[in-house]
Structures are given as structure tokens and as C-alpha cells.
């Protein structure tokens, strides 16, 4: 079994209402469950941070679908690597909507939600995974 772990950030299109997030989440839970993809999605201030994990083909297909989705803008891939096991095995799609105060508590992660410079966002991929793990643990 070849597992892939992929982390990316994207922005909600300016013409898309935040109420669309519920639709995105419902679709993600259904499709990811069917494909055997697990992960965690964080949303703050118009931006998404998401990790996808599962069989390589399923994760690649899921990410390609996200890239084609007109509600997502400015996709920046932070990390793509093979893994021996999943970090989020129980989540077909864990979700957390973060307020400004929650993001402010993790200042080293601020570029993930504010900066749109790929080199800055990719500079420390461990920060993204750490933040996703932290918020997943808080949702259990």
C-alpha cells in the first residue's frame, strides 16, 4: 500500500460566500469517505489549510478536483510525500473554522493564512502539519 500525504493552502474566491464552506465540507466528507482519503481542513479569514492522505491515486485525484474547483483560488502545495501511516486515520475530513484569536495564538503559522508567497509558505512545511495535528487533537 502506497500512502501519500499532501498539504496545501488555498483561498476562498472573493465572489464565494462563507456559507459555501458547508457545501465544500459535506462534499469532501462524502467523496473522501468513498475514496478512502482522510485528512483535516482548517479555515480562517478566507483561507484553507488542508492535509489529504490516502492511497496515492485517490489523493492525487482529490487534489486535482480541488484544483479545478472554482471556489478555490491560489492553490499552493506545501508538502507532498509518501508516508508509512496516516496522521488522521479517523477523519474522512476533520474541520475547524478558526477565528482571528485562534490564529493569533499560533503566530508561527500566520503565513499559512495570510501570506500568498509560495516560498514563504513552503519554507517550513512542518509548521502546517503541526498546526493541523494540534487542531485535530482539539476536536476529538
N, C-alpha and C. Protein backbone atom coordinates (compact mmCIF):
# COMPACT_ATOMS: atom_id res chain seq x y z
N UNK A 1 0.85 -1.19 0.00
CA UNK A 1 0.00 0.00 0.00
C UNK A 1 0.89 1.25 0.00
N UNK A 2 0.66 2.13 -0.93
CA UNK A 2 1.45 3.34 -1.08
C UNK A 2 0.63 4.54 -0.63
N UNK A 3 0.91 5.04 0.56
CA UNK A 3 0.17 6.17 1.10
C UNK A 3 0.86 7.48 0.75
N UNK A 4 0.04 8.46 0.39
CA UNK A 4 0.53 9.80 0.08
C UNK A 4 -0.07 10.79 1.07
N UNK A 5 0.75 11.75 1.46
CA UNK A 5 0.35 12.82 2.37
C UNK A 5 0.58 14.11 1.60
N UNK A 6 -0.45 14.96 1.49
CA UNK A 6 -0.36 16.19 0.71
C UNK A 6 -0.99 17.33 1.51
N UNK A 7 -0.24 18.41 1.69
CA UNK A 7 -0.75 19.59 2.40
C UNK A 7 -0.73 20.76 1.43
N UNK A 8 -1.81 21.54 1.43
CA UNK A 8 -1.89 22.72 0.57
C UNK A 8 -2.65 23.83 1.28
N UNK A 9 -2.52 25.04 0.76
CA UNK A 9 -3.35 26.17 1.17
C UNK A 9 -4.03 26.71 -0.08
N UNK A 10 -5.19 27.31 0.12
CA UNK A 10 -5.90 27.99 -0.96
C UNK A 10 -6.77 29.06 -0.34
N UNK A 11 -7.32 29.89 -1.19
CA UNK A 11 -8.21 30.96 -0.73
C UNK A 11 -9.59 30.76 -1.30
N UNK A 12 -10.58 31.14 -0.52
CA UNK A 12 -11.96 31.13 -0.98
C UNK A 12 -12.11 32.31 -1.93
N UNK A 13 -12.67 32.06 -3.09
CA UNK A 13 -12.85 33.12 -4.08
C UNK A 13 -13.62 34.30 -3.51
N UNK A 14 -13.26 35.49 -3.94
CA UNK A 14 -13.88 36.72 -3.43
C UNK A 14 -15.39 36.74 -3.67
N UNK A 15 -15.84 36.05 -4.71
CA UNK A 15 -17.27 36.04 -5.04
C UNK A 15 -18.02 34.89 -4.36
N UNK A 16 -17.33 34.14 -3.51
CA UNK A 16 -17.94 32.97 -2.85
C UNK A 16 -18.25 33.33 -1.40
N UNK A 17 -19.45 33.04 -0.98
CA UNK A 17 -19.88 33.31 0.39
C UNK A 17 -19.35 32.25 1.34
N UNK A 18 -19.12 32.62 2.60
CA UNK A 18 -18.64 31.66 3.58
C UNK A 18 -19.62 30.51 3.78
N UNK A 19 -20.89 30.73 3.47
CA UNK A 19 -21.87 29.65 3.60
C UNK A 19 -21.54 28.49 2.66
N UNK A 20 -20.75 28.74 1.62
CA UNK A 20 -20.32 27.68 0.70
C UNK A 20 -19.44 26.65 1.40
N UNK A 21 -18.80 27.04 2.50
CA UNK A 21 -17.91 26.13 3.22
C UNK A 21 -18.67 24.88 3.66
N UNK A 22 -19.91 25.04 4.07
CA UNK A 22 -20.72 23.89 4.48
C UNK A 22 -20.88 22.92 3.31
N UNK A 23 -21.10 23.45 2.12
CA UNK A 23 -21.24 22.60 0.93
C UNK A 23 -19.90 21.92 0.60
N UNK A 24 -18.81 22.68 0.69
CA UNK A 24 -17.49 22.12 0.41
C UNK A 24 -17.21 20.98 1.39
N UNK A 25 -17.50 21.21 2.66
CA UNK A 25 -17.24 20.21 3.68
C UNK A 25 -18.09 18.96 3.48
N UNK A 26 -19.38 19.13 3.21
CA UNK A 26 -20.26 17.98 3.00
C UNK A 26 -19.81 17.14 1.81
N UNK A 27 -19.45 17.80 0.74
CA UNK A 27 -18.97 17.10 -0.45
C UNK A 27 -17.65 16.38 -0.15
N UNK A 28 -16.76 17.05 0.59
CA UNK A 28 -15.47 16.45 0.93
C UNK A 28 -15.63 15.20 1.79
N UNK A 29 -16.49 15.27 2.78
CA UNK A 29 -16.71 14.12 3.66
C UNK A 29 -17.23 12.93 2.85
N UNK A 30 -18.21 13.18 1.98
CA UNK A 30 -18.79 12.10 1.18
C UNK A 30 -17.76 11.51 0.22
N UNK A 31 -17.15 12.37 -0.58
CA UNK A 31 -16.19 11.89 -1.59
C UNK A 31 -14.96 11.26 -0.97
N UNK A 32 -14.44 11.87 0.09
CA UNK A 32 -13.24 11.32 0.73
C UNK A 32 -13.54 9.97 1.35
N UNK A 33 -14.70 9.84 1.96
CA UNK A 33 -15.08 8.55 2.53
C UNK A 33 -15.14 7.47 1.47
N UNK A 34 -15.72 7.79 0.34
CA UNK A 34 -15.83 6.83 -0.77
C UNK A 34 -14.45 6.45 -1.32
N UNK A 35 -13.52 7.41 -1.34
CA UNK A 35 -12.20 7.19 -1.92
C UNK A 35 -11.17 6.68 -0.91
N UNK A 36 -11.54 6.65 0.37
CA UNK A 36 -10.58 6.23 1.39
C UNK A 36 -9.54 7.29 1.71
N UNK A 37 -9.88 8.56 1.46
CA UNK A 37 -8.99 9.67 1.76
C UNK A 37 -9.36 10.24 3.13
N UNK A 38 -8.36 10.49 3.95
CA UNK A 38 -8.58 11.09 5.26
C UNK A 38 -7.84 12.43 5.30
N UNK A 39 -8.12 13.23 6.34
CA UNK A 39 -7.42 14.49 6.45
C UNK A 39 -8.08 15.46 7.39
N UNK A 40 -7.61 16.69 7.34
CA UNK A 40 -8.09 17.76 8.21
C UNK A 40 -8.10 19.04 7.39
N UNK A 41 -9.15 19.84 7.57
CA UNK A 41 -9.31 21.11 6.87
C UNK A 41 -9.48 22.21 7.91
N UNK A 42 -8.60 23.21 7.84
CA UNK A 42 -8.73 24.39 8.68
C UNK A 42 -9.12 25.56 7.78
N UNK A 43 -9.99 26.43 8.29
CA UNK A 43 -10.42 27.60 7.54
C UNK A 43 -10.31 28.82 8.44
N UNK A 44 -9.68 29.87 7.93
CA UNK A 44 -9.56 31.11 8.69
C UNK A 44 -9.43 32.28 7.72
N UNK A 45 -10.23 33.28 7.95
CA UNK A 45 -10.11 34.53 7.20
C UNK A 45 -10.08 34.39 5.69
N UNK A 46 -10.90 33.49 5.16
CA UNK A 46 -10.97 33.33 3.72
C UNK A 46 -9.96 32.35 3.14
N UNK A 47 -9.18 31.70 4.00
CA UNK A 47 -8.14 30.79 3.54
C UNK A 47 -8.31 29.39 4.11
N UNK A 48 -7.93 28.40 3.31
CA UNK A 48 -7.97 27.00 3.71
C UNK A 48 -6.55 26.48 3.90
N UNK A 49 -6.38 25.60 4.87
CA UNK A 49 -5.18 24.79 5.05
C UNK A 49 -5.69 23.37 5.18
N UNK A 50 -5.23 22.49 4.30
CA UNK A 50 -5.76 21.13 4.31
C UNK A 50 -4.66 20.11 4.11
N UNK A 51 -4.80 18.98 4.81
CA UNK A 51 -3.96 17.82 4.56
C UNK A 51 -4.87 16.72 4.03
N UNK A 52 -4.41 16.06 2.99
CA UNK A 52 -5.09 14.90 2.42
C UNK A 52 -4.14 13.73 2.57
N UNK A 53 -4.66 12.55 2.90
CA UNK A 53 -3.81 11.37 2.99
C UNK A 53 -4.60 10.14 2.58
N UNK A 54 -3.90 9.22 1.95
CA UNK A 54 -4.54 8.00 1.49
C UNK A 54 -3.72 7.38 0.38
N UNK A 55 -4.34 6.44 -0.33
CA UNK A 55 -3.68 5.83 -1.47
C UNK A 55 -3.30 6.92 -2.46
N UNK A 56 -2.11 6.80 -3.03
CA UNK A 56 -1.58 7.84 -3.93
C UNK A 56 -2.59 8.28 -4.99
N UNK A 57 -3.18 7.34 -5.71
CA UNK A 57 -4.10 7.69 -6.79
C UNK A 57 -5.32 8.45 -6.26
N UNK A 58 -5.84 8.04 -5.11
CA UNK A 58 -7.02 8.69 -4.55
C UNK A 58 -6.70 10.12 -4.10
N UNK A 59 -5.54 10.33 -3.49
CA UNK A 59 -5.15 11.67 -3.06
C UNK A 59 -4.90 12.56 -4.28
N UNK A 60 -4.21 12.02 -5.28
CA UNK A 60 -3.95 12.80 -6.49
C UNK A 60 -5.26 13.22 -7.17
N UNK A 61 -6.21 12.30 -7.25
CA UNK A 61 -7.50 12.61 -7.87
C UNK A 61 -8.25 13.66 -7.06
N UNK A 62 -8.22 13.54 -5.75
CA UNK A 62 -8.89 14.51 -4.87
C UNK A 62 -8.27 15.90 -5.04
N UNK A 63 -6.95 15.96 -5.04
CA UNK A 63 -6.27 17.24 -5.18
C UNK A 63 -6.53 17.86 -6.56
N UNK A 64 -6.56 17.05 -7.59
CA UNK A 64 -6.86 17.55 -8.93
C UNK A 64 -8.28 18.14 -8.98
N UNK A 65 -9.22 17.50 -8.31
CA UNK A 65 -10.59 18.01 -8.26
C UNK A 65 -10.64 19.35 -7.53
N UNK A 66 -9.88 19.47 -6.44
CA UNK A 66 -9.82 20.72 -5.69
C UNK A 66 -9.23 21.82 -6.58
N UNK A 67 -8.18 21.48 -7.31
CA UNK A 67 -7.53 22.46 -8.19
C UNK A 67 -8.47 22.98 -9.28
N UNK A 68 -9.42 22.14 -9.70
CA UNK A 68 -10.39 22.55 -10.73
C UNK A 68 -11.59 23.30 -10.15
N UNK A 69 -11.78 23.23 -8.85
CA UNK A 69 -12.94 23.82 -8.19
C UNK A 69 -12.82 25.35 -8.22
N UNK A 70 -13.77 26.04 -8.85
CA UNK A 70 -13.68 27.50 -8.97
C UNK A 70 -13.80 28.24 -7.64
N UNK A 71 -14.18 27.54 -6.58
CA UNK A 71 -14.27 28.19 -5.27
C UNK A 71 -12.90 28.32 -4.61
N UNK A 72 -11.93 27.54 -5.07
CA UNK A 72 -10.56 27.59 -4.53
C UNK A 72 -9.69 28.43 -5.45
N UNK A 73 -8.95 29.36 -4.88
CA UNK A 73 -8.04 30.21 -5.66
C UNK A 73 -6.65 30.15 -5.05
N UNK A 74 -5.66 30.34 -5.88
CA UNK A 74 -4.28 30.46 -5.40
C UNK A 74 -3.77 29.25 -4.66
N UNK A 75 -4.05 28.06 -5.17
CA UNK A 75 -3.55 26.85 -4.52
C UNK A 75 -2.03 26.88 -4.43
N UNK A 76 -1.52 26.59 -3.25
CA UNK A 76 -0.08 26.46 -3.04
C UNK A 76 0.15 25.13 -2.33
N UNK A 77 0.86 24.25 -2.99
CA UNK A 77 1.18 22.96 -2.39
C UNK A 77 2.35 23.16 -1.44
N UNK A 78 2.17 22.74 -0.20
CA UNK A 78 3.20 22.90 0.82
C UNK A 78 4.07 21.66 0.91
N UNK A 79 3.44 20.50 0.87
CA UNK A 79 4.19 19.26 1.06
C UNK A 79 3.47 18.11 0.38
N UNK A 80 4.25 17.24 -0.25
CA UNK A 80 3.74 16.03 -0.87
C UNK A 80 4.80 14.98 -0.62
N UNK A 81 4.43 13.92 0.12
CA UNK A 81 5.41 12.88 0.38
C UNK A 81 4.74 11.55 0.69
N UNK A 82 5.48 10.48 0.46
CA UNK A 82 5.00 9.15 0.83
C UNK A 82 5.11 9.01 2.34
N UNK A 83 4.14 8.35 2.95
CA UNK A 83 4.16 8.11 4.39
C UNK A 83 3.85 6.64 4.66
N UNK A 84 4.30 6.16 5.80
CA UNK A 84 4.06 4.77 6.19
C UNK A 84 2.68 4.60 6.81
N UNK A 85 2.19 5.67 7.47
CA UNK A 85 0.88 5.60 8.10
C UNK A 85 0.22 6.97 8.08
N UNK A 86 -1.08 6.96 8.30
CA UNK A 86 -1.87 8.20 8.29
C UNK A 86 -1.75 8.93 9.63
N UNK A 87 -1.78 10.25 9.56
CA UNK A 87 -1.84 11.07 10.76
C UNK A 87 -3.28 11.31 11.21
N UNK A 88 -4.24 11.17 10.28
CA UNK A 88 -5.64 11.48 10.55
C UNK A 88 -6.54 10.31 10.13
N UNK A 89 -6.28 9.11 10.64
CA UNK A 89 -7.00 7.93 10.14
C UNK A 89 -8.50 7.93 10.44
N UNK A 90 -8.92 8.65 11.44
CA UNK A 90 -10.34 8.63 11.83
C UNK A 90 -11.16 9.72 11.15
N UNK A 91 -10.52 10.57 10.37
CA UNK A 91 -11.21 11.73 9.81
C UNK A 91 -11.38 11.60 8.29
N UNK A 92 -12.61 11.38 7.81
CA UNK A 92 -12.81 11.46 6.36
C UNK A 92 -12.62 12.92 5.95
N UNK A 93 -12.88 13.83 6.86
CA UNK A 93 -12.48 15.22 6.71
C UNK A 93 -12.79 15.95 8.00
N UNK A 94 -11.78 16.03 8.87
CA UNK A 94 -11.93 16.85 10.07
C UNK A 94 -12.00 18.30 9.65
N UNK A 95 -12.71 19.12 10.40
CA UNK A 95 -12.86 20.53 10.02
C UNK A 95 -12.83 21.41 11.25
N UNK A 96 -12.20 22.56 11.09
CA UNK A 96 -12.20 23.56 12.14
C UNK A 96 -12.20 24.94 11.51
N UNK A 97 -13.16 25.77 11.89
CA UNK A 97 -13.23 27.16 11.45
C UNK A 97 -12.54 27.97 12.54
N UNK A 98 -11.42 28.58 12.22
CA UNK A 98 -10.63 29.31 13.19
C UNK A 98 -10.95 30.79 13.15
N UNK A 99 -11.13 31.36 14.32
CA UNK A 99 -11.30 32.80 14.42
C UNK A 99 -9.94 33.48 14.48
N UNK A 100 -9.92 34.77 14.36
CA UNK A 100 -8.67 35.53 14.38
C UNK A 100 -7.90 35.30 15.68
N UNK A 101 -8.62 35.17 16.79
CA UNK A 101 -7.95 34.96 18.08
C UNK A 101 -7.23 33.62 18.12
N UNK A 102 -7.83 32.58 17.51
CA UNK A 102 -7.18 31.27 17.48
C UNK A 102 -5.94 31.28 16.61
N UNK A 103 -6.02 31.94 15.48
CA UNK A 103 -4.85 32.04 14.59
C UNK A 103 -3.75 32.83 15.28
N UNK A 104 -4.12 33.89 16.00
CA UNK A 104 -3.13 34.72 16.69
C UNK A 104 -2.37 33.94 17.76
N UNK A 105 -2.98 32.90 18.31
CA UNK A 105 -2.32 32.07 19.33
C UNK A 105 -1.20 31.23 18.75
N UNK A 106 -1.15 31.12 17.42
CA UNK A 106 -0.12 30.32 16.75
C UNK A 106 0.60 31.23 15.74
N UNK A 107 1.35 32.22 16.23
CA UNK A 107 1.92 33.23 15.33
C UNK A 107 2.87 32.66 14.28
N UNK A 108 3.57 31.58 14.57
CA UNK A 108 4.48 31.00 13.59
C UNK A 108 3.72 30.38 12.41
N UNK A 109 2.41 30.19 12.55
CA UNK A 109 1.60 29.64 11.48
C UNK A 109 0.86 30.71 10.68
N UNK A 110 0.98 31.95 11.09
CA UNK A 110 0.27 33.04 10.42
C UNK A 110 0.49 33.08 8.91
N UNK A 111 1.71 32.84 8.41
CA UNK A 111 1.89 32.88 6.95
C UNK A 111 0.98 31.90 6.20
N UNK A 112 0.57 30.83 6.84
CA UNK A 112 -0.30 29.86 6.19
C UNK A 112 -1.65 30.46 5.85
N UNK A 113 -2.07 31.46 6.62
CA UNK A 113 -3.38 32.06 6.42
C UNK A 113 -3.34 33.49 5.89
N UNK A 114 -2.15 34.09 5.82
CA UNK A 114 -2.08 35.50 5.43
C UNK A 114 -1.22 35.76 4.21
N UNK A 115 -0.07 35.13 4.12
CA UNK A 115 0.89 35.41 3.05
C UNK A 115 0.55 34.58 1.83
N UNK A 116 0.65 35.16 0.67
CA UNK A 116 0.36 34.41 -0.56
C UNK A 116 1.63 34.16 -1.36
N UNK A 117 2.77 34.24 -0.70
CA UNK A 117 4.05 33.99 -1.34
C UNK A 117 4.42 32.52 -1.15
N UNK A 118 4.43 31.72 -2.24
CA UNK A 118 4.71 30.29 -2.11
C UNK A 118 6.02 29.97 -1.40
N UNK A 119 7.07 30.77 -1.62
CA UNK A 119 8.36 30.47 -0.99
C UNK A 119 8.27 30.63 0.53
N UNK A 120 7.51 31.59 1.01
CA UNK A 120 7.34 31.78 2.45
C UNK A 120 6.51 30.64 3.03
N UNK A 121 5.44 30.27 2.34
CA UNK A 121 4.56 29.22 2.84
C UNK A 121 5.25 27.86 2.84
N UNK A 122 6.06 27.61 1.83
CA UNK A 122 6.75 26.31 1.74
C UNK A 122 8.02 26.24 2.59
N UNK A 123 8.43 27.34 3.18
CA UNK A 123 9.70 27.40 3.89
C UNK A 123 9.78 26.42 5.06
N UNK A 124 8.67 26.17 5.72
CA UNK A 124 8.69 25.27 6.87
C UNK A 124 7.42 24.42 6.88
N UNK A 125 7.38 23.36 6.08
CA UNK A 125 6.16 22.55 5.98
C UNK A 125 5.77 21.89 7.29
N UNK A 126 6.72 21.70 8.19
CA UNK A 126 6.41 21.10 9.49
C UNK A 126 5.42 21.92 10.31
N UNK A 127 5.45 23.24 10.13
CA UNK A 127 4.52 24.11 10.86
C UNK A 127 3.08 23.78 10.47
N UNK A 128 2.84 23.55 9.18
CA UNK A 128 1.49 23.25 8.71
C UNK A 128 0.99 21.95 9.32
N UNK A 129 1.81 20.92 9.29
CA UNK A 129 1.40 19.63 9.84
C UNK A 129 1.19 19.72 11.35
N UNK A 130 2.06 20.45 12.02
CA UNK A 130 1.93 20.64 13.47
C UNK A 130 0.60 21.30 13.81
N UNK A 131 0.25 22.34 13.06
CA UNK A 131 -0.99 23.06 13.31
C UNK A 131 -2.20 22.17 13.04
N UNK A 132 -2.18 21.43 11.94
CA UNK A 132 -3.28 20.52 11.62
C UNK A 132 -3.45 19.46 12.72
N UNK A 133 -2.35 18.90 13.18
CA UNK A 133 -2.41 17.90 14.26
C UNK A 133 -2.97 18.50 15.54
N UNK A 134 -2.52 19.71 15.87
CA UNK A 134 -2.97 20.37 17.08
C UNK A 134 -4.49 20.59 17.08
N UNK A 135 -5.00 21.09 15.99
CA UNK A 135 -6.44 21.35 15.93
C UNK A 135 -7.25 20.06 15.80
N UNK A 136 -6.69 19.04 15.18
CA UNK A 136 -7.37 17.74 15.12
C UNK A 136 -7.49 17.16 16.53
N UNK A 137 -6.42 17.27 17.30
CA UNK A 137 -6.45 16.76 18.68
C UNK A 137 -7.50 17.50 19.52
N UNK A 138 -7.65 18.79 19.26
CA UNK A 138 -8.66 19.57 19.98
C UNK A 138 -10.08 19.26 19.59
N UNK A 139 -10.29 18.59 18.47
CA UNK A 139 -11.64 18.25 18.01
C UNK A 139 -12.08 16.87 18.44
N UNK A 140 -11.22 16.11 19.07
CA UNK A 140 -11.58 14.74 19.45
C UNK A 140 -12.53 14.72 20.59
